Amino acid sequence: MLLYQHQIEWIKVGQPIPETSLLVAAGGDGTINYAVNNIDLAETKLFVLPLGRGNALAHILNISVRMLSEKDVEHFEVVEFPILEANGKLAVFGAGIGLGSEIVKYANPYSQLGMSSYIASTIRSIQVNPSYNICVNGDMHSGLLAAEVSLWGRVGFGLPLTRQDSPGPFLTLIKGRPFHVAVLFLIGQMPGWDGAKTVPGDSFVLESEVDIPAHIDGETFLTKKLAVKSSAKRGKLIKPGDSAAGHQIG
């Protein structure tokens, strides 16, 4: 007995995404970011299969990272999720400038290798001791390692920058020795550390007199200005639900 029949089209990152009511995004934050920026958010629902750094978003939105069974997909729920806007692009996780962007850049080639990729990229990044003068919403902050604007107050694999559960955006300014910062990132002890300050806000403009490393989700580049704010757009995510709360497929 045929229960469902669907036409499936495989699309790689960088290719145009045709109009569709459902898009399965299998990958990390870069893949999810590309999907969000290239679909009609009002018409297309996302089903995320998290890989690599996509696990962070999975933990935040309670998306299963294990293999799904037939029973898992008997019921589903559609949830909306907020989005950031950074320099005119949409971001599902966060954006920033400074050392954090260097770590993202070095981690990209190893994004399928799990936590070891972040350890390797962090070790490579902390071999230098960068110091940036960054103007945040008109106020100058000297000697920063990084300035990160995160939607969920988290970094990497979901390590917390704030103990708040509600979405931001949150701005985190980080000072200190790179090795010390790296250790704190890895053990998840950023909240309350004197060298890091996290504050909520509606929008943040990060500026530098010279080009410095920056990132929007997994995309890295050089810039003198990064403007980040909450987007009026929202995404729609499909995820397996329980029989009480979910909607029967079919």
Protein backbone atom coordinates (compact mmCIF):
# COMPACT_ATOMS: atom_id res chain seq x y z
CA MET A 1 0.00 0.00 0.00
CA LEU A 2 1.41 3.38 -1.02
CA LEU A 3 1.11 5.87 1.84
CA TYR A 4 3.07 8.83 0.49
CA GLN A 5 4.51 9.82 -2.83
CA HIS A 6 6.84 12.79 -3.14
CA GLN A 7 9.14 14.19 -5.79
CA ILE A 8 12.61 14.63 -4.30
CA GLU A 9 15.24 16.95 -5.72
CA TRP A 10 18.80 17.06 -4.32
CA ILE A 11 20.32 20.53 -4.02
CA LYS A 12 23.85 21.46 -3.00
CA VAL A 13 24.78 24.62 -1.14
CA GLY A 14 25.29 27.32 -3.77
CA GLN A 15 22.63 26.03 -6.14
CA PRO A 16 19.27 27.78 -6.57
CA ILE A 17 16.51 26.38 -4.36
CA PRO A 18 13.23 25.92 -6.28
CA GLU A 19 9.87 26.85 -4.79
CA THR A 20 8.81 24.14 -2.38
CA SER A 21 6.61 23.68 0.66
CA LEU A 22 9.22 21.53 2.45
CA LEU A 23 13.02 21.66 2.44
CA VAL A 24 15.20 19.14 4.25
CA ALA A 25 18.46 20.82 5.31
CA ALA A 26 21.13 18.24 6.14
CA GLY A 27 24.29 19.84 7.49
CA GLY A 28 25.76 22.34 9.90
CA ASP A 29 25.15 26.02 10.51
CA GLY A 30 26.41 26.98 7.05
CA THR A 31 23.93 24.68 5.32
CA ILE A 32 21.05 25.80 7.51
CA ASN A 33 22.05 29.44 6.98
CA TYR A 34 22.08 28.99 3.18
CA ALA A 35 18.63 27.42 3.31
CA VAL A 36 17.15 30.22 5.41
CA ASN A 37 18.60 32.89 3.12
CA ASN A 38 17.33 31.27 -0.08
CA ILE A 39 13.77 30.17 0.61
CA ASP A 40 10.45 31.95 1.04
CA LEU A 41 10.19 31.72 4.82
CA ALA A 42 6.45 32.36 4.69
CA GLU A 43 5.82 29.42 2.36
CA THR A 44 8.58 26.88 3.01
CA LYS A 45 8.98 24.75 6.13
CA LEU A 46 12.38 23.37 7.16
CA PHE A 47 13.16 19.87 8.34
CA VAL A 48 16.68 19.93 9.77
CA LEU A 49 19.00 16.92 9.84
CA PRO A 50 21.85 18.35 11.95
CA LEU A 51 25.44 17.43 11.12
CA GLY A 52 28.66 18.92 12.52
CA ARG A 53 28.07 22.37 14.00
CA GLY A 54 24.36 22.00 13.25
CA ASN A 55 24.20 20.01 16.48
CA ALA A 56 24.28 23.27 18.43
CA LEU A 57 21.04 24.44 16.84
CA ALA A 58 19.61 20.96 17.39
CA HIS A 59 20.27 21.15 21.12
CA ILE A 60 18.79 24.65 21.35
CA LEU A 61 15.60 23.80 19.45
CA ASN A 62 15.33 20.25 20.87
CA ILE A 63 15.85 18.58 17.50
CA SER A 64 16.83 14.92 17.69
CA VAL A 65 20.39 14.17 16.55
CA ARG A 66 19.86 10.41 16.50
CA MET A 67 18.60 8.25 13.66
CA LEU A 68 14.84 8.59 13.25
CA SER A 69 12.55 5.57 13.15
CA GLU A 70 9.16 5.19 11.47
CA LYS A 71 7.53 5.72 14.86
CA ASP A 72 9.40 9.02 15.30
CA VAL A 73 7.84 10.50 12.17
CA GLU A 74 4.29 9.29 12.75
CA HIS A 75 3.65 12.63 14.45
CA PHE A 76 5.18 16.02 13.90
CA GLU A 77 4.91 19.59 15.08
CA VAL A 78 5.60 22.88 13.34
CA VAL A 79 7.41 25.47 15.44
CA GLU A 80 8.45 28.99 14.55
CA PHE A 81 11.96 30.17 15.37
CA PRO A 82 13.45 33.69 15.43
CA ILE A 83 16.19 34.87 13.08
CA LEU A 84 18.89 37.52 13.18
CA GLU A 85 19.76 39.93 10.38
CA ALA A 86 23.44 40.77 9.92
CA ASN A 87 24.62 43.15 7.18
CA GLY A 88 21.46 42.39 5.24
CA LYS A 89 21.80 38.60 5.52
CA LEU A 90 19.84 36.27 7.77
CA ALA A 91 21.53 34.31 10.55
CA VAL A 92 20.10 31.43 12.54
CA PHE A 93 22.88 31.31 15.12
CA GLY A 94 24.95 34.48 15.37
CA ALA A 95 27.50 36.88 13.93
CA GLY A 96 30.60 38.58 15.24
CA ILE A 97 34.06 40.00 14.68
CA GLY A 98 37.47 39.14 16.08
CA LEU A 99 38.98 35.89 17.35
CA GLY A 100 35.67 34.02 17.27
CA SER A 101 35.54 34.54 13.51
CA GLU A 102 39.08 33.16 13.18
CA ILE A 103 37.99 30.00 15.00
CA VAL A 104 34.97 29.65 12.69
CA LYS A 105 37.26 30.07 9.67
CA TYR A 106 39.72 27.41 10.82
CA ALA A 107 36.94 25.02 11.88
CA ASN A 108 35.17 25.09 8.50
CA PRO A 109 37.40 22.44 6.79
CA TYR A 110 36.87 20.10 9.75
CA SER A 111 33.17 20.69 10.32
CA GLN A 112 32.30 17.00 9.97
CA LEU A 113 34.83 15.83 12.56
CA GLY A 114 32.96 16.90 15.69
CA MET A 115 34.49 18.37 18.83
CA SER A 116 38.04 17.51 17.73
CA SER A 117 37.70 20.04 14.90
CA TYR A 118 37.02 22.82 17.40
CA ILE A 119 39.95 21.79 19.58
CA ALA A 120 42.24 21.81 16.53
CA SER A 121 40.95 25.15 15.27
CA THR A 122 41.17 26.71 18.73
CA ILE A 123 44.78 25.59 19.20
CA ARG A 124 45.65 27.06 15.82
CA SER A 125 43.87 30.32 16.63
CA ILE A 126 45.44 30.88 20.07
CA GLN A 127 48.97 30.79 18.69
CA VAL A 128 48.60 34.55 18.26
CA ASN A 129 47.30 37.13 20.71
CA PRO A 130 45.04 39.48 18.72
CA SER A 131 43.73 42.69 20.20
CA TYR A 132 40.99 44.67 18.52
CA ASN A 133 39.57 48.13 19.14
CA ILE A 134 35.87 47.78 18.43
CA CYS A 135 33.21 50.47 18.60
CA VAL A 136 29.88 49.03 19.79
CA ASN A 137 26.83 51.23 19.22
CA GLY A 138 29.10 54.29 19.32
CA ASP A 139 31.09 53.28 22.44
CA MET A 140 34.75 52.32 21.99
CA HIS A 141 36.04 49.11 23.59
CA SER A 142 39.81 48.59 23.43
CA GLY A 143 41.83 45.40 23.65
CA LEU A 144 39.05 42.96 22.77
CA LEU A 145 39.61 39.43 21.58
CA ALA A 146 36.13 39.21 20.07
CA ALA A 147 32.67 40.71 19.94
CA GLU A 148 29.90 38.19 19.30
CA VAL A 149 26.20 38.77 18.76
CA SER A 150 24.32 35.51 19.30
CA LEU A 151 20.65 34.79 18.90
CA TRP A 152 20.60 32.23 21.70
CA GLY A 153 23.48 33.40 23.88
CA ARG A 154 25.51 30.35 22.87
CA VAL A 155 28.56 29.46 20.83
CA GLY A 156 30.17 26.40 19.25
CA PHE A 157 28.30 23.23 20.12
CA GLY A 158 25.81 25.19 22.22
CA LEU A 159 28.16 26.28 25.01
CA PRO A 160 26.40 29.00 27.01
CA LEU A 161 27.34 32.67 27.14
CA THR A 162 24.26 33.45 29.22
CA ARG A 163 22.00 31.49 31.52
CA GLN A 164 18.87 32.97 29.93
CA ASP A 165 16.68 30.57 27.97
CA SER A 166 14.81 33.14 25.86
CA PRO A 167 16.25 34.26 22.51
CA GLY A 168 18.19 37.53 22.29
CA PRO A 169 20.08 38.89 20.53
CA PHE A 170 22.88 38.93 23.08
CA LEU A 171 26.17 40.80 22.75
CA THR A 172 29.28 39.24 24.30
CA LEU A 173 32.55 41.19 24.57
CA ILE A 174 35.56 39.02 25.37
CA LYS A 175 38.95 40.04 26.76
CA GLY A 176 41.83 38.01 28.16
CA ARG A 177 44.51 35.57 27.08
CA PRO A 178 43.45 33.39 24.13
CA PHE A 179 44.43 30.12 25.83
CA HIS A 180 42.42 30.99 28.94
CA VAL A 181 39.43 31.94 26.82
CA ALA A 182 39.72 28.72 24.78
CA VAL A 183 39.69 26.57 27.92
CA LEU A 184 36.61 28.38 29.22
CA PHE A 185 34.85 27.92 25.88
CA LEU A 186 35.57 24.20 25.89
CA ILE A 187 34.38 23.60 29.45
CA GLY A 188 31.34 25.85 29.09
CA GLN A 189 32.17 28.26 31.92
CA MET A 190 31.80 31.57 30.09
CA PRO A 191 28.89 32.96 32.15
CA GLY A 192 30.14 35.01 35.08
CA TRP A 193 33.74 35.17 33.88
CA ASP A 194 35.24 38.63 34.51
CA GLY A 195 36.80 38.72 31.05
CA ALA A 196 33.50 38.27 29.26
CA LYS A 197 30.45 40.49 29.42
CA THR A 198 27.12 39.48 27.89
CA VAL A 199 24.19 41.89 27.57
CA PRO A 200 20.83 41.65 25.76
CA GLY A 201 19.66 44.22 23.22
CA ASP A 202 17.58 44.79 20.11
CA SER A 203 20.43 45.68 17.74
CA PHE A 204 24.20 46.08 17.77
CA VAL A 205 26.56 47.87 15.37
CA LEU A 206 30.18 46.69 15.59
CA GLU A 207 32.75 48.92 13.88
CA SER A 208 36.52 49.00 13.42
CA GLU A 209 38.84 51.47 11.70
CA VAL A 210 40.48 48.59 9.82
CA ASP A 211 39.21 45.39 8.23
CA ILE A 212 39.09 42.57 10.78
CA PRO A 213 37.82 38.97 10.64
CA ALA A 214 34.05 38.60 10.84
CA HIS A 215 31.46 35.87 10.45
CA ILE A 216 27.74 35.43 9.87
CA ASP A 217 26.94 31.92 11.07
CA GLY A 218 29.58 29.82 9.27
CA GLU A 219 30.44 32.38 6.56
CA THR A 220 33.71 34.24 7.23
CA PHE A 221 34.99 37.48 5.68
CA LEU A 222 36.77 40.76 6.49
CA THR A 223 34.86 43.92 7.31
CA LYS A 224 34.99 47.26 9.10
CA LYS A 225 31.32 47.17 10.10
CA LEU A 226 28.86 44.52 11.20
CA ALA A 227 25.27 45.55 11.95
CA VAL A 228 23.20 42.87 13.69
CA LYS A 229 19.56 43.02 14.76
CA SER A 230 16.49 40.87 15.27
CA SER A 231 14.77 40.14 11.97
CA ALA A 232 11.06 40.61 11.45
CA LYS A 233 11.12 37.30 9.58
CA ARG A 234 10.65 33.97 11.30
CA GLY A 235 11.38 30.46 10.13
CA LYS A 236 9.08 27.44 10.33
CA LEU A 237 10.64 24.21 11.52
CA ILE A 238 9.16 20.72 11.33
CA LYS A 239 10.33 18.29 13.99
CA PRO A 240 9.07 14.96 15.33
CA GLY A 241 6.56 15.38 18.15
CA ASP A 242 4.67 13.15 20.56
CA SER A 243 1.22 11.76 19.86
CA ALA A 244 -0.42 14.19 22.29
CA ALA A 245 1.08 17.39 20.90
CA GLY A 246 1.90 16.46 17.33
CA HIS A 247 -0.12 16.47 14.14
CA GLN A 248 -0.69 13.17 12.34
CA ILE A 249 1.12 12.92 9.00
CA GLY A 250 -1.01 11.96 6.06
